[in-house]
């Protein structure tokens, strides 16, 4: 059960990092728009990045917002993995 949650946590963090890298590579193009639409579904904590809009932020603030966003996505996925693990264990019983 916890092993499933850990794997889901790691998948959530890696997915968020991958989507951010992909979006940065394609930028404001039609492909970038598609990546952004996918990110809204698969990376719900990306809304944290709105804290960086419209002002000058220090490197530490930017890093903190991104780190919190990545970890929050991992926690959301981890909770989903925990629920799946619980259901899987209940079905075995």
Protein backbone atom coordinates (compact mmCIF):
# COMPACT_ATOMS: atom_id res chain seq x y z
CA UNK A 1 0.00 0.00 0.00
CA UNK A 2 2.67 2.53 0.99
CA UNK A 3 4.90 1.27 -1.80
CA UNK A 4 2.13 2.10 -4.29
CA UNK A 5 1.71 5.56 -2.74
CA UNK A 6 5.46 6.19 -2.96
CA UNK A 7 5.56 5.20 -6.64
CA UNK A 8 2.59 7.43 -7.38
CA UNK A 9 4.29 10.31 -5.47
CA UNK A 10 7.44 9.91 -7.56
CA UNK A 11 5.39 9.71 -10.76
CA UNK A 12 3.61 12.95 -9.85
CA UNK A 13 6.86 14.80 -9.21
CA UNK A 14 8.54 13.48 -12.37
CA UNK A 15 5.46 14.27 -14.46
CA UNK A 16 5.33 17.86 -13.21
CA UNK A 17 9.03 18.39 -13.90
CA UNK A 18 8.69 16.82 -17.35
CA UNK A 19 5.71 19.00 -18.26
CA UNK A 20 7.54 22.14 -17.14
CA UNK A 21 10.63 21.24 -19.18
CA UNK A 22 8.50 20.41 -22.21
CA UNK A 23 6.54 23.65 -21.93
CA UNK A 24 9.76 25.67 -21.65
CA UNK A 25 11.12 23.96 -24.76
CA UNK A 26 8.08 24.67 -26.97
CA UNK A 27 7.10 28.05 -25.49
CA UNK A 28 4.12 30.04 -26.75
CA UNK A 29 3.39 28.00 -29.86
CA UNK A 30 0.38 25.86 -30.73
CA UNK A 31 2.28 22.91 -29.28
CA UNK A 32 2.93 24.90 -26.12
CA UNK A 33 -0.78 25.57 -25.86
CA UNK A 34 -1.46 21.83 -26.10
CA UNK A 35 1.14 21.12 -23.38
CA UNK A 36 -0.49 23.76 -21.18
CA UNK A 37 -3.92 22.14 -21.65
CA UNK A 38 -2.52 18.72 -20.73
CA UNK A 39 -0.73 20.22 -17.72
CA UNK A 40 -4.00 21.64 -16.37
CA UNK A 41 -5.28 18.08 -16.03
CA UNK A 42 -2.13 16.15 -15.12
CA UNK A 43 -0.44 18.86 -13.01
CA UNK A 44 -3.19 20.56 -11.02
CA UNK A 45 -0.74 22.22 -8.64
CA UNK A 46 0.73 24.19 -11.56
CA UNK A 47 -1.60 26.99 -10.44
CA UNK A 48 1.05 27.70 -7.79
CA UNK A 49 3.07 29.36 -10.56
CA UNK A 50 0.54 32.19 -10.65
CA UNK A 51 2.29 33.51 -7.54
CA UNK A 52 5.18 34.49 -9.84
CA UNK A 53 3.12 36.54 -12.31
CA UNK A 54 3.53 40.27 -12.66
CA UNK A 55 6.45 41.05 -10.39
CA UNK A 56 10.15 40.59 -9.93
CA UNK A 57 10.97 37.64 -7.73
CA UNK A 58 14.26 36.49 -6.30
CA UNK A 59 15.77 33.21 -7.40
CA UNK A 60 14.92 31.70 -4.04
CA UNK A 61 11.24 32.65 -4.38
CA UNK A 62 11.02 31.16 -7.87
CA UNK A 63 12.74 27.97 -6.73
CA UNK A 64 10.46 27.72 -3.68
CA UNK A 65 7.28 28.11 -5.75
CA UNK A 66 8.38 25.49 -8.25
CA UNK A 67 9.52 23.10 -5.53
CA UNK A 68 6.20 23.47 -3.69
CA UNK A 69 4.30 22.95 -6.92
CA UNK A 70 6.25 19.78 -7.78
CA UNK A 71 5.90 18.35 -4.27
CA UNK A 72 2.20 19.25 -4.07
CA UNK A 73 1.61 17.39 -7.32
CA UNK A 74 3.51 14.42 -5.88
CA UNK A 75 1.36 14.51 -2.75
CA UNK A 76 -1.84 14.58 -4.82
CA UNK A 77 -0.65 11.62 -6.86
CA UNK A 78 0.57 9.88 -3.69
CA UNK A 79 -2.85 10.22 -2.09
CA UNK A 80 -4.38 8.72 -5.21
CA UNK A 81 -1.86 5.86 -4.99
CA UNK A 82 -2.71 5.37 -1.32
CA UNK A 83 -6.40 5.08 -2.15
CA UNK A 84 -5.64 2.61 -4.94
CA UNK A 85 -3.45 0.61 -2.56
CA UNK A 86 -6.19 0.55 0.07
CA UNK A 87 -8.77 -0.66 -2.44
CA UNK A 88 -6.33 -3.27 -3.73
CA UNK A 89 -5.72 -4.55 -0.19
CA UNK A 90 -9.45 -4.62 0.58
CA UNK A 91 -10.12 -6.69 -2.53
CA UNK A 92 -7.47 -9.24 -1.49
CA UNK A 93 -9.14 -9.74 1.90
